Each structure stands twice: as C-alpha cells, then as structure tokens.
Amino acid sequence: MANIQNILSKCDHTLLSQTATWADIKAICDDGMKYSTASVCIPPSFVKQAKEYVGDKLAICTVIGFPNGYNTTAVKVFETTDAISNGADEIDMVINIGLLREGKDAEVCEEIRQIKAACGEKILKVIIETCLLTEDEKLRMCKIVTDAGADYIKTSTGFSTAGATLPDVKLMYENVGEGVLVKAAGGISGLEDAQAFIDAGASRLGTSRVVKAVKGIEGSGY
C-alpha cells in the first residue's frame, strides 16, 4: 500500500474537459485532498474558486496556451500572470510547435523563459506534445526546456493524437539537463501503468485514472 501512496503523491489529478462544472472540479479537489495527490490540474477559469476551496491543503495546477500552444507569447504570459494571481501553484504550458518545426529554437526558448519569469517561484511544466514531434525535435526540446529554466518537461496535453509513451519518457529523462524533471500525461491507464512510467523516469503523472483505480480497490482494505 505504501507503493500506491507513492504513486498518488506523484499524480496531478486531472480534469480538463470542456464540459467540466464546478461540481466536477470540487469533486476532484476532494479526491486530491483525500488521496494526497501532488496537485489537481484544472481549467484556468476554476483556479480562483478551487484555491479558495482547498486553501493550503492541495496544490492547484492549471494550463496555459492549451491545448494547441499557438497563442502569442504575450497572451501566454498574461494567462500565466492571471492564473498565479488567482492562486495557481503550478503552470503547465504548451509550446508553439510551429516555431519548433521552423527551427526557431531560440524563440521557443525565449517564450518559455518569459513564462517562467511570470511564474516566479511557482513550478512551470512545458508540454511538448511528443506525438507530433520527430525524434530530433524531442531532443531539441530537452535542451530548450533546460536552457529556459523550466522545472519540468511534459509529454502531452491528452488532447492530441496520442499521449505519453514509455520510450518518450525514457528519452526525455536521459536528455534533459540537471534539475529538470519529467511529467508523463495522456493515456496512463491505471496503477501498473503509472508505476511503469515512474520507473521510466517520470516524477509526475497527469491522469485521473490512478485515483479511480485506488477507489476501485478501497473495498479490499486500502
């Protein structure tokens, strides 16, 4: 059971559905507090209400430039500033994939730097959407995220053609610089899958299924 708690402690318990209501968000906040997850990851419009609800009992994470990443840098910086002023503890931003494809690595890096500056001491995770990238682009993003001073590199939004894979997590874990951690998100199916991603190098998991899995075994004495 200690292993289950270790997995839960690495989970960003996530609800980013377009149809989510406050009742839905409140429910995952309750789950996050009950099961001691790393955070709940929720839409920006619910951050203020959620933070007022959980106080210091749970970290609130939200998303920026989500899910496509092609907002201007100024918009992403504003979104970040607004989210943090509303109480967000962690920010998950989406890169501009078009810029990366064009080889404009310096511009991608500068955007991340600006968003990290807006975050201050808050955690910044950079979603690179691995399913849309070549191997070379994934490796370049490992360097860019490191150079930009972000805290995490993250596989996926969960809204594109595929989610996290074990090879991608291993590749990122082996190629990011010192101090940069890896978050796997999208398609994590349950406890066994979650542990496999942790073993591959993920320090965070973006998923709703781990808490669901734990709820499913509570009757056995958890």
Protein backbone atom coordinates (compact mmCIF):
# COMPACT_ATOMS: atom_id res chain seq x y z
CA MET A 1 0.00 0.00 0.00
CA ALA A 2 2.97 2.30 0.52
CA ASN A 3 3.68 1.88 -3.20
CA ILE A 4 0.17 3.08 -4.03
CA GLN A 5 0.65 6.19 -1.88
CA ASN A 6 3.95 6.88 -3.63
CA ILE A 7 2.18 6.77 -6.99
CA LEU A 8 -0.61 9.04 -5.73
CA SER A 9 1.96 11.54 -4.43
CA LYS A 10 3.27 11.94 -8.00
CA CYS A 11 -0.14 12.42 -9.62
CA ASP A 12 -1.53 15.67 -10.94
CA HIS A 13 -5.16 14.54 -10.63
CA THR A 14 -6.55 15.99 -13.83
CA LEU A 15 -9.85 17.26 -15.18
CA LEU A 16 -9.62 19.45 -18.29
CA SER A 17 -12.85 18.51 -20.04
CA GLN A 18 -14.62 21.36 -21.82
CA THR A 19 -17.85 20.36 -20.11
CA ALA A 20 -16.48 20.38 -16.55
CA THR A 21 -18.64 22.19 -14.00
CA TRP A 22 -17.72 23.50 -10.55
CA ALA A 23 -19.32 20.39 -9.05
CA ASP A 24 -16.92 18.25 -11.11
CA ILE A 25 -13.91 20.37 -10.13
CA LYS A 26 -14.90 20.34 -6.47
CA ALA A 27 -15.11 16.54 -6.61
CA ILE A 28 -11.57 16.14 -7.93
CA CYS A 29 -10.33 18.65 -5.36
CA ASP A 30 -11.94 16.48 -2.69
CA ASP A 31 -10.22 13.45 -4.19
CA GLY A 32 -6.89 15.28 -4.34
CA MET A 33 -7.08 16.18 -0.66
CA LYS A 34 -8.29 12.74 0.38
CA TYR A 35 -5.63 10.82 -1.53
CA SER A 36 -2.78 13.34 -1.11
CA THR A 37 -2.07 13.80 -4.81
CA ALA A 38 0.67 16.18 -5.93
CA SER A 39 -1.94 18.59 -7.29
CA VAL A 40 -5.16 18.87 -9.21
CA CYS A 41 -4.82 20.12 -12.79
CA ILE A 42 -7.88 22.12 -13.80
CA PRO A 43 -9.05 24.77 -16.31
CA PRO A 44 -7.93 28.35 -15.59
CA SER A 45 -11.49 29.59 -15.06
CA PHE A 46 -11.80 27.44 -11.93
CA VAL A 47 -8.44 28.26 -10.32
CA LYS A 48 -9.62 31.04 -8.00
CA GLN A 49 -12.64 29.12 -6.75
CA ALA A 50 -10.63 25.92 -6.32
CA LYS A 51 -7.81 27.63 -4.41
CA GLU A 52 -10.29 29.30 -2.08
CA TYR A 53 -11.87 25.88 -1.54
CA VAL A 54 -8.69 23.87 -0.82
CA GLY A 55 -6.53 26.55 0.81
CA ASP A 56 -3.11 25.13 1.64
CA LYS A 57 -4.30 21.52 1.64
CA LEU A 58 -3.64 20.92 -2.06
CA ALA A 59 -1.64 22.46 -4.91
CA ILE A 60 -3.63 23.88 -7.80
CA CYS A 61 -2.21 23.40 -11.29
CA THR A 62 -3.61 24.92 -14.47
CA VAL A 63 -2.86 25.04 -18.18
CA ILE A 64 -1.63 27.85 -20.44
CA GLY A 65 -1.91 28.08 -24.22
CA PHE A 66 -3.93 24.90 -24.01
CA PRO A 67 -4.20 22.64 -25.92
CA ASN A 68 -2.68 23.92 -29.18
CA GLY A 69 0.09 26.24 -27.97
CA TYR A 70 -0.15 28.73 -30.81
CA ASN A 71 -1.25 31.74 -28.79
CA THR A 72 1.17 34.66 -28.86
CA THR A 73 3.78 34.83 -26.13
CA ALA A 74 2.12 37.95 -24.72
CA VAL A 75 -1.17 36.09 -24.34
CA LYS A 76 0.53 33.14 -22.65
CA VAL A 77 2.36 35.44 -20.25
CA PHE A 78 -0.90 37.22 -19.41
CA GLU A 79 -2.65 33.87 -18.87
CA THR A 80 0.15 32.84 -16.54
CA THR A 81 0.10 36.06 -14.55
CA ASP A 82 -3.67 35.86 -14.25
CA ALA A 83 -3.59 32.22 -13.14
CA ILE A 84 -0.99 32.88 -10.46
CA SER A 85 -2.87 35.94 -9.20
CA ASN A 86 -5.91 33.66 -8.87
CA GLY A 87 -3.92 31.23 -6.74
CA ALA A 88 -2.33 28.73 -9.12
CA ASP A 89 0.66 26.92 -7.63
CA GLU A 90 1.80 25.22 -10.84
CA ILE A 91 1.59 26.07 -14.54
CA ASP A 92 1.56 23.62 -17.45
CA MET A 93 2.17 25.49 -20.72
CA VAL A 94 2.04 24.26 -24.32
CA ILE A 95 4.88 25.16 -26.67
CA ASN A 96 4.44 26.70 -30.12
CA ILE A 97 5.09 23.58 -32.20
CA GLY A 98 5.11 25.53 -35.48
CA LEU A 99 8.06 27.59 -34.30
CA LEU A 100 9.92 24.45 -33.33
CA ARG A 101 9.19 22.90 -36.72
CA GLU A 102 10.63 26.00 -38.40
CA GLY A 103 13.85 25.64 -36.42
CA LYS A 104 13.19 28.77 -34.37
CA ASP A 105 14.51 27.16 -31.18
CA ALA A 106 15.66 30.48 -29.74
CA GLU A 107 12.11 31.87 -30.00
CA VAL A 108 10.63 28.78 -28.36
CA CYS A 109 13.19 29.08 -25.58
CA GLU A 110 12.54 32.79 -25.09
CA GLU A 111 8.79 32.20 -24.77
CA ILE A 112 9.37 29.59 -22.06
CA ARG A 113 11.78 31.96 -20.28
CA GLN A 114 9.18 34.71 -20.25
CA ILE A 115 6.51 32.40 -18.88
CA LYS A 116 8.92 31.11 -16.23
CA ALA A 117 9.64 34.70 -15.26
CA ALA A 118 5.89 35.27 -14.88
CA CYS A 119 5.73 32.14 -12.71
CA GLY A 120 8.36 33.39 -10.29
CA GLU A 121 8.88 30.65 -7.71
CA LYS A 122 5.90 28.65 -8.95
CA ILE A 123 6.50 25.40 -10.84
CA LEU A 124 6.48 25.53 -14.65
CA LYS A 125 5.94 22.40 -16.73
CA VAL A 126 6.44 22.58 -20.51
CA ILE A 127 4.15 20.43 -22.66
CA ILE A 128 5.92 19.49 -25.88
CA GLU A 129 3.20 17.20 -27.40
CA THR A 130 5.54 14.31 -28.21
CA CYS A 131 3.07 12.60 -30.56
CA LEU A 132 3.50 15.48 -33.03
CA LEU A 133 7.31 15.66 -32.87
CA THR A 134 10.18 13.88 -34.56
CA GLU A 135 12.97 12.32 -32.50
CA ASP A 136 15.20 15.29 -33.33
CA GLU A 137 12.52 17.75 -32.21
CA LYS A 138 12.06 15.90 -28.91
CA LEU A 139 15.81 16.05 -28.27
CA ARG A 140 15.92 19.75 -29.16
CA MET A 141 13.07 20.40 -26.74
CA CYS A 142 15.00 18.68 -23.95
CA LYS A 143 17.78 21.24 -24.46
CA ILE A 144 15.38 24.17 -24.90
CA VAL A 145 13.42 23.39 -21.72
CA THR A 146 16.68 23.04 -19.80
CA ASP A 147 18.13 26.28 -21.18
CA ALA A 148 14.89 28.16 -20.46
CA GLY A 149 14.98 27.26 -16.77
CA ALA A 150 11.66 25.41 -16.62
CA ASP A 151 11.06 22.85 -13.90
CA TYR A 152 9.53 20.01 -15.94
CA ILE A 153 9.25 18.76 -19.48
CA LYS A 154 5.86 17.14 -20.09
CA THR A 155 4.89 14.70 -22.81
CA SER A 156 1.36 15.57 -23.80
CA THR A 157 -1.84 17.56 -23.46
CA GLY A 158 -4.01 14.45 -23.72
CA PHE A 159 -5.98 16.27 -26.43
CA SER A 160 -3.89 15.33 -29.49
CA THR A 161 -3.33 12.14 -31.47
CA ALA A 162 -1.68 10.18 -28.64
CA GLY A 163 -0.42 10.52 -25.09
CA ALA A 164 2.67 9.52 -23.16
CA THR A 165 4.80 6.54 -24.17
CA LEU A 166 7.49 4.82 -22.15
CA PRO A 167 10.17 5.38 -24.85
CA ASP A 168 9.44 9.12 -24.91
CA VAL A 169 9.64 9.38 -21.12
CA LYS A 170 12.96 7.50 -21.12
CA LEU A 171 14.31 9.70 -23.91
CA MET A 172 13.38 12.90 -22.06
CA TYR A 173 14.67 11.62 -18.72
CA GLU A 174 18.02 10.77 -20.29
CA ASN A 175 18.41 14.03 -22.21
CA VAL A 176 17.14 16.89 -20.03
CA GLY A 177 19.66 18.86 -18.04
CA GLU A 178 20.25 18.82 -14.32
CA GLY A 179 17.26 19.95 -12.28
CA VAL A 180 14.66 19.34 -15.00
CA LEU A 181 12.09 16.66 -14.20
CA VAL A 182 9.75 14.69 -16.46
CA LYS A 183 5.95 14.57 -16.42
CA ALA A 184 4.06 11.87 -18.32
CA ALA A 185 0.48 12.64 -19.29
CA GLY A 186 -2.18 11.27 -21.57
CA GLY A 187 -3.39 7.69 -21.64
CA ILE A 188 -2.00 6.45 -18.32
CA SER A 189 -4.36 3.56 -17.70
CA GLY A 190 -4.00 2.70 -14.02
CA LEU A 191 -1.66 1.80 -11.19
CA GLU A 192 0.54 -0.68 -13.06
CA ASP A 193 0.91 1.70 -15.99
CA ALA A 194 1.64 4.58 -13.62
CA GLN A 195 4.41 2.63 -11.93
CA ALA A 196 5.94 1.80 -15.31
CA PHE A 197 6.12 5.50 -16.18
CA ILE A 198 7.70 6.28 -12.81
CA ASP A 199 10.25 3.52 -13.39
CA ALA A 200 10.99 5.02 -16.82
CA GLY A 201 11.86 8.37 -15.23
CA ALA A 202 8.64 10.32 -14.68
CA SER A 203 8.44 12.35 -11.48
CA ARG A 204 4.87 13.47 -12.18
CA LEU A 205 1.89 11.84 -13.84
CA GLY A 206 -1.03 13.69 -15.38
CA THR A 207 -4.00 11.38 -15.02
CA SER A 208 -7.43 10.86 -13.49
CA ARG A 209 -7.32 7.09 -13.69
CA VAL A 210 -4.97 6.44 -10.78
CA VAL A 211 -7.40 7.85 -8.23
CA LYS A 212 -10.21 5.92 -9.94
CA ALA A 213 -8.14 2.74 -9.66
CA VAL A 214 -7.49 3.32 -5.97
CA LYS A 215 -11.18 3.95 -5.37
CA GLY A 216 -11.83 0.63 -7.06
CA ILE A 217 -9.71 -1.29 -4.56
CA GLU A 218 -10.73 0.56 -1.41
CA GLY A 219 -13.11 -2.24 -0.58
CA SER A 220 -10.14 -4.57 -0.25
CA GLY A 221 -8.85 -2.62 2.75
CA TYR A 222 -6.82 0.25 1.32
